[in-house]
C-alpha atoms as a PDB file:
ATOM      1  CA  MET A   1     -75.461  55.195  41.384  1.00  0.00           C
ATOM      2  CA  THR A   2     -73.662  52.494  39.424  1.00  0.00           C
ATOM      3  CA  LYS A   3     -72.626  52.538  35.779  1.00  0.00           C
ATOM      4  CA  GLN A   4     -75.232  49.863  35.022  1.00  0.00           C
ATOM      5  CA  GLN A   5     -78.031  51.792  36.717  1.00  0.00           C
ATOM      6  CA  ALA A   6     -77.246  54.895  34.676  1.00  0.00           C
ATOM      7  CA  TRP A   7     -77.008  52.860  31.472  1.00  0.00           C
ATOM      8  CA  ASP A   8     -80.341  51.113  32.102  1.00  0.00           C
ATOM      9  CA  ARG A   9     -82.023  54.478  32.671  1.00  0.00           C
ATOM     10  CA  ALA A  10     -80.495  55.915  29.518  1.00  0.00           C
ATOM     11  CA  LEU A  11     -81.617  52.970  27.378  1.00  0.00           C
ATOM     12  CA  ALA A  12     -85.137  53.321  28.741  1.00  0.00           C
ATOM     13  CA  GLN A  13     -85.088  57.020  27.880  1.00  0.00           C
ATOM     14  CA  LEU A  14     -83.725  56.496  24.371  1.00  0.00           C
ATOM     15  CA  SER A  15     -86.376  53.863  23.775  1.00  0.00           C
ATOM     16  CA  ILE A  16     -89.052  56.491  24.422  1.00  0.00           C
ATOM     17  CA  ASP A  17     -87.267  59.249  22.505  1.00  0.00           C
ATOM     18  CA  TYR A  18     -86.810  57.109  19.388  1.00  0.00           C
ATOM     19  CA  ASN A  19     -89.961  54.975  19.587  1.00  0.00           C
ATOM     20  CA  ALA A  20     -87.700  51.924  19.448  1.00  0.00           C
ATOM     21  CA  PRO A  21     -86.989  48.871  21.616  1.00  0.00           C
ATOM     22  CA  ARG A  22     -83.988  49.311  23.861  1.00  0.00           C
ATOM     23  CA  GLU A  23     -82.342  46.309  22.180  1.00  0.00           C
ATOM     24  CA  ALA A  24     -82.112  48.360  18.978  1.00  0.00           C
ATOM     25  CA  PHE A  25     -79.468  50.577  20.594  1.00  0.00           C
ATOM     26  CA  LEU A  26     -77.249  47.552  21.244  1.00  0.00           C
ATOM     27  CA  ALA A  27     -77.654  45.940  17.832  1.00  0.00           C
ATOM     28  CA  GLU A  28     -75.672  46.228  14.613  1.00  0.00           C
ATOM     29  CA  GLY A  29     -77.169  47.574  11.387  1.00  0.00           C
ATOM     30  CA  VAL A  30     -79.868  50.236  11.193  1.00  0.00           C
ATOM     31  CA  THR A  31     -83.253  50.480  12.916  1.00  0.00           C
ATOM     32  CA  LEU A  32     -85.742  52.912  11.355  1.00  0.00           C
ATOM     33  CA  THR A  33     -88.836  53.985  13.270  1.00  0.00           C
ATOM     34  CA  GLU A  34     -91.613  56.541  12.954  1.00  0.00           C
ATOM     35  CA  SER A  35     -90.841  59.475  15.226  1.00  0.00           C
ATOM     36  CA  LYS A  36     -93.530  60.189  17.791  1.00  0.00           C
ATOM     37  CA  ALA A  37     -93.968  62.663  20.624  1.00  0.00           C
ATOM     38  CA  LEU A  38     -94.388  59.956  23.247  1.00  0.00           C
ATOM     39  CA  PRO A  39     -95.093  60.748  26.906  1.00  0.00           C
ATOM     40  CA  GLY A  40     -91.897  60.847  28.939  1.00  0.00           C
ATOM     41  CA  ARG A  41     -89.660  61.853  26.028  1.00  0.00           C
ATOM     42  CA  ARG A  42     -86.922  64.454  26.282  1.00  0.00           C
ATOM     43  CA  ARG A  43     -88.765  67.591  25.276  1.00  0.00           C
ATOM     44  CA  TYR A  44     -86.766  69.790  22.933  1.00  0.00           C
ATOM     45  CA  SER A  45     -89.854  70.679  20.890  1.00  0.00           C
ATOM     46  CA  GLU A  46     -93.615  70.401  21.175  1.00  0.00           C
ATOM     47  CA  GLN A  47     -93.653  68.291  18.003  1.00  0.00           C
ATOM     48  CA  ALA A  48     -92.154  64.903  17.245  1.00  0.00           C
ATOM     49  CA  PRO A  49     -88.646  65.133  15.723  1.00  0.00           C
ATOM     50  CA  PHE A  50     -88.610  65.280  11.922  1.00  0.00           C
ATOM     51  CA  PHE A  51     -85.312  63.385  11.882  1.00  0.00           C
ATOM     52  CA  GLN A  52     -82.938  62.253  14.600  1.00  0.00           C
ATOM     53  CA  MET A  53     -80.325  59.513  14.749  1.00  0.00           C
ATOM     54  CA  ALA A  54     -78.403  57.915  17.600  1.00  0.00           C
ATOM     55  CA  THR A  55     -75.662  55.340  18.010  1.00  0.00           C
ATOM     56  CA  THR A  56     -74.017  53.709  20.994  1.00  0.00           C
ATOM     57  CA  GLY A  57     -71.059  52.846  18.787  1.00  0.00           C
ATOM     58  CA  ARG A  58     -72.584  49.853  17.018  1.00  0.00           C
ATOM     59  CA  GLY A  59     -75.616  50.267  14.819  1.00  0.00           C
ATOM     60  CA  ALA A  60     -77.771  53.333  14.316  1.00  0.00           C
ATOM     61  CA  VAL A  61     -81.344  54.062  15.361  1.00  0.00           C
ATOM     62  CA  ILE A  62     -83.234  56.604  13.246  1.00  0.00           C
ATOM     63  CA  ALA A  63     -86.573  58.128  14.216  1.00  0.00           C
ATOM     64  CA  ALA A  64     -88.066  60.091  11.329  1.00  0.00           C
ATOM     65  CA  ASP A  65     -91.242  61.390   9.779  1.00  0.00           C
ATOM     66  CA  PRO A  66     -92.778  58.727   7.489  1.00  0.00           C
ATOM     67  CA  CYS A  67     -92.246  60.968   4.434  1.00  0.00           C
ATOM     68  CA  LEU A  68     -88.500  60.331   4.828  1.00  0.00           C
ATOM     69  CA  HIS A  69     -88.610  56.567   5.220  1.00  0.00           C
ATOM     70  CA  GLU A  70     -88.241  55.541   1.594  1.00  0.00           C
ATOM     71  CA  GLY A  71     -85.253  57.821   1.104  1.00  0.00           C
ATOM     72  CA  LEU A  72     -83.711  56.731   4.402  1.00  0.00           C
ATOM     73  CA  ARG A  73     -83.997  53.063   3.477  1.00  0.00           C
ATOM     74  CA  ALA A  74     -82.085  53.791   0.281  1.00  0.00           C
ATOM     75  CA  TRP A  75     -79.460  55.813   2.175  1.00  0.00           C
ATOM     76  CA  THR A  76     -78.888  53.120   4.810  1.00  0.00           C
ATOM     77  CA  ALA A  77     -79.049  50.083   2.504  1.00  0.00           C
ATOM     78  CA  GLY A  78     -76.217  47.636   3.123  1.00  0.00           C
ATOM     79  CA  ARG A  79     -74.977  49.366   6.266  1.00  0.00           C
ATOM     80  CA  GLU A  80     -74.028  46.562   8.634  1.00  0.00           C
ATOM     81  CA  GLN A  81     -72.214  49.027  10.883  1.00  0.00           C
ATOM     82  CA  GLY A  82     -74.709  51.817  11.330  1.00  0.00           C
ATOM     83  CA  HIS A  83     -72.350  54.092  13.245  1.00  0.00           C
ATOM     84  CA  TRP A  84     -70.544  54.899   9.972  1.00  0.00           C
ATOM     85  CA  LEU A  85     -73.599  56.884   8.882  1.00  0.00           C
ATOM     86  CA  PHE A  86     -72.394  59.673  11.186  1.00  0.00           C
ATOM     87  CA  GLU A  87     -69.208  60.226   9.192  1.00  0.00           C
ATOM     88  CA  GLN A  88     -69.257  63.458   7.189  1.00  0.00           C
ATOM     89  CA  GLN A  89     -68.493  61.775   3.875  1.00  0.00           C
ATOM     90  CA  ASN A  90     -71.712  59.752   4.232  1.00  0.00           C
ATOM     91  CA  THR A  91     -74.085  62.617   5.047  1.00  0.00           C
ATOM     92  CA  PRO A  92     -74.540  64.496   1.705  1.00  0.00           C
ATOM     93  CA  PRO A  93     -77.401  62.203   0.537  1.00  0.00           C
ATOM     94  CA  LEU A  94     -79.074  62.684   3.922  1.00  0.00           C
ATOM     95  CA  GLU A  95     -78.686  66.454   3.702  1.00  0.00           C
ATOM     96  CA  ALA A  96     -80.254  66.417   0.229  1.00  0.00           C
ATOM     97  CA  LEU A  97     -83.165  64.303   1.455  1.00  0.00           C
ATOM     98  CA  LEU A  98     -83.881  66.660   4.340  1.00  0.00           C
ATOM     99  CA  ALA A  99     -83.477  69.753   2.133  1.00  0.00           C
ATOM    100  CA  ALA A 100     -86.179  68.468  -0.210  1.00  0.00           C
ATOM    101  CA  HIS A 101     -88.598  68.767   2.716  1.00  0.00           C
ATOM    102  CA  GLY A 102     -87.315  72.119   3.997  1.00  0.00           C
ATOM    103  CA  TRP A 103     -85.125  70.703   6.753  1.00  0.00           C
ATOM    104  CA  GLN A 104     -81.389  70.477   7.421  1.00  0.00           C
ATOM    105  CA  LEU A 105     -78.976  68.697   9.700  1.00  0.00           C
ATOM    106  CA  PHE A 106     -78.434  70.634  12.892  1.00  0.00           C
ATOM    107  CA  MET A 107     -76.135  69.468  15.672  1.00  0.00           C
ATOM    108  CA  THR A 108     -74.144  66.426  16.701  1.00  0.00           C
ATOM    109  CA  HIS A 109     -73.903  65.798  20.419  1.00  0.00           C
ATOM    110  CA  HIS A 110     -71.639  63.396  22.290  1.00  0.00           C
ATOM    111  CA  MET A 111     -73.506  62.161  25.352  1.00  0.00           C
ATOM    112  CA  PHE A 112     -71.867  60.978  28.569  1.00  0.00           C
ATOM    113  CA  LEU A 113     -73.193  58.945  31.509  1.00  0.00           C
ATOM    114  CA  PRO A 114     -71.798  58.627  35.042  1.00  0.00           C
ATOM    115  CA  THR A 115     -69.867  55.517  36.022  1.00  0.00           C
ATOM    116  CA  ARG A 116     -69.958  56.102  39.771  1.00  0.00           C
ATOM    117  CA  SER A 117     -71.577  58.091  42.513  1.00  0.00           C
ATOM    118  CA  PHE A 118     -70.411  61.629  43.251  1.00  0.00           C
ATOM    119  CA  THR A 119     -68.792  63.015  46.397  1.00  0.00           C
ATOM    120  CA  PRO A 120     -69.088  66.758  47.111  1.00  0.00           C
ATOM    121  CA  ARG A 121     -65.897  68.692  47.844  1.00  0.00           C
ATOM    122  CA  PRO A 122     -65.262  72.146  49.332  1.00  0.00           C
ATOM    123  CA  LEU A 123     -64.620  75.099  47.035  1.00  0.00           C
ATOM    124  CA  PRO A 124     -61.156  76.684  46.857  1.00  0.00           C
ATOM    125  CA  ALA A 125     -60.293  79.357  49.402  1.00  0.00           C
ATOM    126  CA  GLY A 126     -61.772  82.735  48.548  1.00  0.00           C
ATOM    127  CA  LEU A 127     -64.890  81.316  46.883  1.00  0.00           C
ATOM    128  CA  THR A 128     -68.334  80.706  48.291  1.00  0.00           C
ATOM    129  CA  GLU A 129     -71.166  78.592  46.902  1.00  0.00           C
ATOM    130  CA  ARG A 130     -74.787  79.442  46.279  1.00  0.00           C
ATOM    131  CA  TRP A 131     -77.490  76.922  45.396  1.00  0.00           C
ATOM    132  CA  TYR A 132     -80.569  77.495  43.251  1.00  0.00           C
ATOM    133  CA  ASP A 133     -83.559  75.232  42.684  1.00  0.00           C
ATOM    134  CA  GLU A 134     -86.548  75.366  40.339  1.00  0.00           C
ATOM    135  CA  ARG A 135     -88.126  78.062  42.529  1.00  0.00           C
ATOM    136  CA  THR A 136     -85.106  80.390  42.622  1.00  0.00           C
ATOM    137  CA  VAL A 137     -83.177  79.713  39.401  1.00  0.00           C
ATOM    138  CA  TYR A 138     -85.145  82.510  37.727  1.00  0.00           C
ATOM    139  CA  GLU A 139     -82.919  84.909  39.690  1.00  0.00           C
ATOM    140  CA  LEU A 140     -80.129  84.027  37.243  1.00  0.00           C
ATOM    141  CA  TYR A 141     -82.082  85.100  34.134  1.00  0.00           C
ATOM    142  CA  PRO A 142     -81.129  86.559  31.736  1.00  0.00           C
ATOM    143  CA  SER A 143     -78.076  84.343  32.073  1.00  0.00           C
ATOM    144  CA  ALA A 144     -74.661  84.853  30.497  1.00  0.00           C
ATOM    145  CA  PHE A 145     -73.707  81.288  31.485  1.00  0.00           C
ATOM    146  CA  HIS A 146     -75.347  79.700  28.443  1.00  0.00           C
ATOM    147  CA  ASN A 147     -73.534  76.370  28.752  1.00  0.00           C
ATOM    148  CA  ALA A 148     -74.852  75.872  32.274  1.00  0.00           C
ATOM    149  CA  ILE A 149     -78.470  77.010  32.091  1.00  0.00           C
ATOM    150  CA  SER A 150     -80.865  78.526  29.578  1.00  0.00           C
ATOM    151  CA  GLU A 151     -80.578  82.212  28.781  1.00  0.00           C
ATOM    152  CA  THR A 152     -84.225  82.685  29.780  1.00  0.00           C
ATOM    153  CA  GLU A 153     -86.959  80.435  31.114  1.00  0.00           C
ATOM    154  CA  ASN A 154     -87.484  77.291  29.020  1.00  0.00           C
ATOM    155  CA  LEU A 155     -90.818  75.629  29.728  1.00  0.00           C
ATOM    156  CA  LEU A 156     -90.022  72.516  27.679  1.00  0.00           C
ATOM    157  CA  ARG A 157     -86.839  71.606  29.556  1.00  0.00           C
ATOM    158  CA  PRO A 158     -86.758  73.833  32.635  1.00  0.00           C
ATOM    159  CA  ASP A 159     -83.639  74.482  34.663  1.00  0.00           C
ATOM    160  CA  VAL A 160     -84.218  72.739  37.985  1.00  0.00           C
ATOM    161  CA  ILE A 161     -80.962  73.076  39.894  1.00  0.00           C
ATOM    162  CA  ALA A 162     -77.816  75.206  39.733  1.00  0.00           C
ATOM    163  CA  LEU A 163     -74.686  75.736  41.782  1.00  0.00           C
ATOM    164  CA  ALA A 164     -72.711  78.972  41.575  1.00  0.00           C
ATOM    165  CA  ALA A 165     -69.180  79.691  42.770  1.00  0.00           C
ATOM    166  CA  LEU A 166     -68.818  83.326  43.822  1.00  0.00           C
ATOM    167  CA  GLU A 167     -65.890  85.624  44.443  1.00  0.00           C
ATOM    168  CA  GLY A 168     -67.512  88.195  46.654  1.00  0.00           C
ATOM    169  CA  GLU A 169     -70.867  88.708  44.938  1.00  0.00           C
ATOM    170  CA  THR A 170     -69.599  87.889  41.433  1.00  0.00           C
ATOM    171  CA  ILE A 171     -70.423  84.515  39.928  1.00  0.00           C
ATOM    172  CA  VAL A 172     -67.216  83.100  38.438  1.00  0.00           C
ATOM    173  CA  ALA A 173     -68.565  79.646  37.563  1.00  0.00           C
ATOM    174  CA  LEU A 174     -71.975  78.055  37.284  1.00  0.00           C
ATOM    175  CA  ALA A 175     -73.077  74.423  36.980  1.00  0.00           C
ATOM    176  CA  GLY A 176     -76.708  73.712  36.177  1.00  0.00           C
ATOM    177  CA  ALA A 177     -79.092  71.008  35.084  1.00  0.00           C
ATOM    178  CA  SER A 178     -82.243  71.018  33.001  1.00  0.00           C
ATOM    179  CA  ALA A 179     -85.052  68.491  33.366  1.00  0.00           C
ATOM    180  CA  ASP A 180     -84.942  67.207  29.793  1.00  0.00           C
ATOM    181  CA  ALA A 181     -87.131  64.333  31.002  1.00  0.00           C
ATOM    182  CA  GLU A 182     -88.484  63.283  34.373  1.00  0.00           C
ATOM    183  CA  ASN A 183     -85.520  62.430  36.599  1.00  0.00           C
ATOM    184  CA  PHE A 184     -83.172  62.417  33.573  1.00  0.00           C
ATOM    185  CA  TRP A 185     -81.391  65.746  33.793  1.00  0.00           C
ATOM    186  CA  GLN A 186     -78.753  67.229  31.515  1.00  0.00           C
ATOM    187  CA  VAL A 187     -75.733  68.834  33.182  1.00  0.00           C
ATOM    188  CA  GLY A 188     -73.990  71.971  31.936  1.00  0.00           C
ATOM    189  CA  ILE A 189     -71.034  74.018  33.164  1.00  0.00           C
ATOM    190  CA  ASP A 190     -69.646  77.491  32.461  1.00  0.00           C
ATOM    191  CA  VAL A 191     -66.510  79.034  33.974  1.00  0.00           C
ATOM    192  CA  LEU A 192     -65.293  82.590  33.412  1.00  0.00           C
ATOM    193  CA  PRO A 193     -62.021  82.673  31.418  1.00  0.00           C
ATOM    194  CA  ALA A 194     -59.933  83.956  34.324  1.00  0.00           C
ATOM    195  CA  TRP A 195     -60.919  80.936  36.427  1.00  0.00           C
ATOM    196  CA  ARG A 196     -60.436  78.172  33.872  1.00  0.00           C
ATOM    197  CA  GLY A 197     -57.743  75.536  34.174  1.00  0.00           C
ATOM    198  CA  ARG A 198     -57.982  75.298  37.974  1.00  0.00           C
ATOM    199  CA  GLY A 199     -60.362  72.339  38.255  1.00  0.00           C
ATOM    200  CA  LEU A 200     -63.268  74.537  39.311  1.00  0.00           C
ATOM    201  CA  GLY A 201     -65.580  73.300  36.558  1.00  0.00           C
ATOM    202  CA  SER A 202     -65.057  69.652  37.499  1.00  0.00           C
ATOM    203  CA  LEU A 203     -65.576  70.419  41.179  1.00  0.00           C
ATOM    204  CA  LEU A 204     -68.883  72.199  40.578  1.00  0.00           C
ATOM    205  CA  VAL A 205     -70.169  69.440  38.292  1.00  0.00           C
ATOM    206  CA  GLU A 206     -69.358  66.768  40.894  1.00  0.00           C
ATOM    207  CA  ASN A 207     -71.052  68.733  43.670  1.00  0.00           C
ATOM    208  CA  LEU A 208     -74.079  69.395  41.478  1.00  0.00           C
ATOM    209  CA  CYS A 209     -74.401  65.731  40.490  1.00  0.00           C
ATOM    210  CA  ALA A 210     -74.142  64.626  44.132  1.00  0.00           C
ATOM    211  CA  ARG A 211     -77.133  66.846  44.948  1.00  0.00           C
ATOM    212  CA  MET A 212     -79.000  65.536  41.883  1.00  0.00           C
ATOM    213  CA  GLU A 213     -78.489  61.953  43.046  1.00  0.00           C
ATOM    214  CA  GLU A 214     -79.971  62.894  46.413  1.00  0.00           C
ATOM    215  CA  ARG A 215     -83.048  64.070  44.524  1.00  0.00           C
ATOM    216  CA  GLY A 216     -83.312  60.807  42.600  1.00  0.00           C
ATOM    217  CA  ALA A 217     -82.267  62.213  39.212  1.00  0.00           C
ATOM    218  CA  VAL A 218     -79.879  60.586  36.745  1.00  0.00           C
ATOM    219  CA  PRO A 219     -77.366  63.115  35.378  1.00  0.00           C
ATOM    220  CA  PHE A 220     -76.231  62.992  31.773  1.00  0.00           C
ATOM    221  CA  TYR A 221     -73.748  65.278  30.069  1.00  0.00           C
ATOM    222  CA  GLY A 222     -73.891  66.460  26.447  1.00  0.00           C
ATOM    223  CA  THR A 223     -71.210  68.308  24.507  1.00  0.00           C
ATOM    224  CA  ALA A 224     -70.210  69.168  20.954  1.00  0.00           C
ATOM    225  CA  PRO A 225     -67.617  66.881  19.298  1.00  0.00           C
ATOM    226  CA  ALA A 226     -64.946  69.598  19.195  1.00  0.00           C
ATOM    227  CA  ASN A 227     -65.502  70.940  22.714  1.00  0.00           C
ATOM    228  CA  LEU A 228     -62.596  69.029  24.226  1.00  0.00           C
ATOM    229  CA  HIS A 229     -62.469  71.226  27.316  1.00  0.00           C
ATOM    230  CA  SER A 230     -66.045  70.291  28.193  1.00  0.00           C
ATOM    231  CA  GLN A 231     -65.404  66.630  27.413  1.00  0.00           C
ATOM    232  CA  ASN A 232     -62.406  66.613  29.734  1.00  0.00           C
ATOM    233  CA  ILE A 233     -64.559  67.967  32.548  1.00  0.00           C
ATOM    234  CA  ALA A 234     -66.990  65.108  31.980  1.00  0.00           C
ATOM    235  CA  LEU A 235     -64.165  62.559  32.072  1.00  0.00           C
ATOM    236  CA  ASN A 236     -62.632  64.138  35.186  1.00  0.00           C
ATOM    237  CA  CYS A 237     -65.968  63.742  36.963  1.00  0.00           C
ATOM    238  CA  GLY A 238     -66.356  60.051  36.156  1.00  0.00           C
ATOM    239  CA  PHE A 239     -68.568  60.376  33.096  1.00  0.00           C
ATOM    240  CA  ARG A 240     -67.841  58.198  30.061  1.00  0.00           C
ATOM    241  CA  PRO A 241     -69.076  58.357  26.428  1.00  0.00           C
ATOM    242  CA  ALA A 242     -72.430  56.605  26.032  1.00  0.00           C
ATOM    243  CA  TRP A 243     -74.073  57.619  22.765  1.00  0.00           C
ATOM    244  CA  VAL A 244     -73.862  60.092  19.886  1.00  0.00           C
ATOM    245  CA  GLU A 245     -76.888  61.944  18.571  1.00  0.00           C
ATOM    246  CA  LEU A 246     -77.517  63.804  15.300  1.00  0.00           C
ATOM    247  CA  THR A 247     -80.484  66.195  15.073  1.00  0.00           C
ATOM    248  CA  SER A 248     -82.251  68.314  12.478  1.00  0.00           C
ATOM    249  CA  LYS A 249     -84.101  71.626  12.264  1.00  0.00           C
ATOM    250  CA  PRO A 250     -86.260  73.510   9.734  1.00  0.00           C
ATOM    251  CA  LYS A 251     -84.203  75.576   7.292  1.00  0.00           C
ATOM    252  CA  GLU A 252     -85.993  78.813   8.166  1.00  0.00           C
ATOM    253  CA  GLU A 253     -84.648  78.552  11.746  1.00  0.00           C
END
């Protein structure tokens, strides 16, 4: 997989997720669209997103319920550099707009894409590996490795592959991927505290992504802005920042 191949696949996916032309993610300014639950989207809910916003570092693309459009046009007016909308000092009017409809801002994710293919490597001495696929991953539920796979079965974005590193019969690290969309799978990694700082997380992610490529899937990696440890794993494995995403959720949740 090349950097361009991964980028092309990501732009195609974002175009579906945001009901927007792919060119909008490369443009300056702000693009506002009506959010829709289009076939092929990343499925984090059964319904269309009420509000979500993405940037690749230039402009911003917003997919929102039509009831928000008038307020969003006022909020984004005059923004030639849409990426500044993500700065905290600019979000209070957005928070007030969402609150008026019973919603609130939820999470910001930094998304990474691979820049090269992956080469599997052997595990350190004393550890063995164990693979899981969509038929056997249920053996890991309920999971304590929440950054790698779901805690329990998730029918919207099912876990489809996982790689465990074991000391004896104890899992000390787990890398997993969920099928957020067809052949566009999100990678996660969890390492027990005693095993951190040894490069094990990066090794498992690389080995997992190599197997994903064999299956024809494009890996992408999402992490919170302050999770520098996770971001460093992504960078160590050849991932690079690609886009930032801001989401929302109902207040009662």
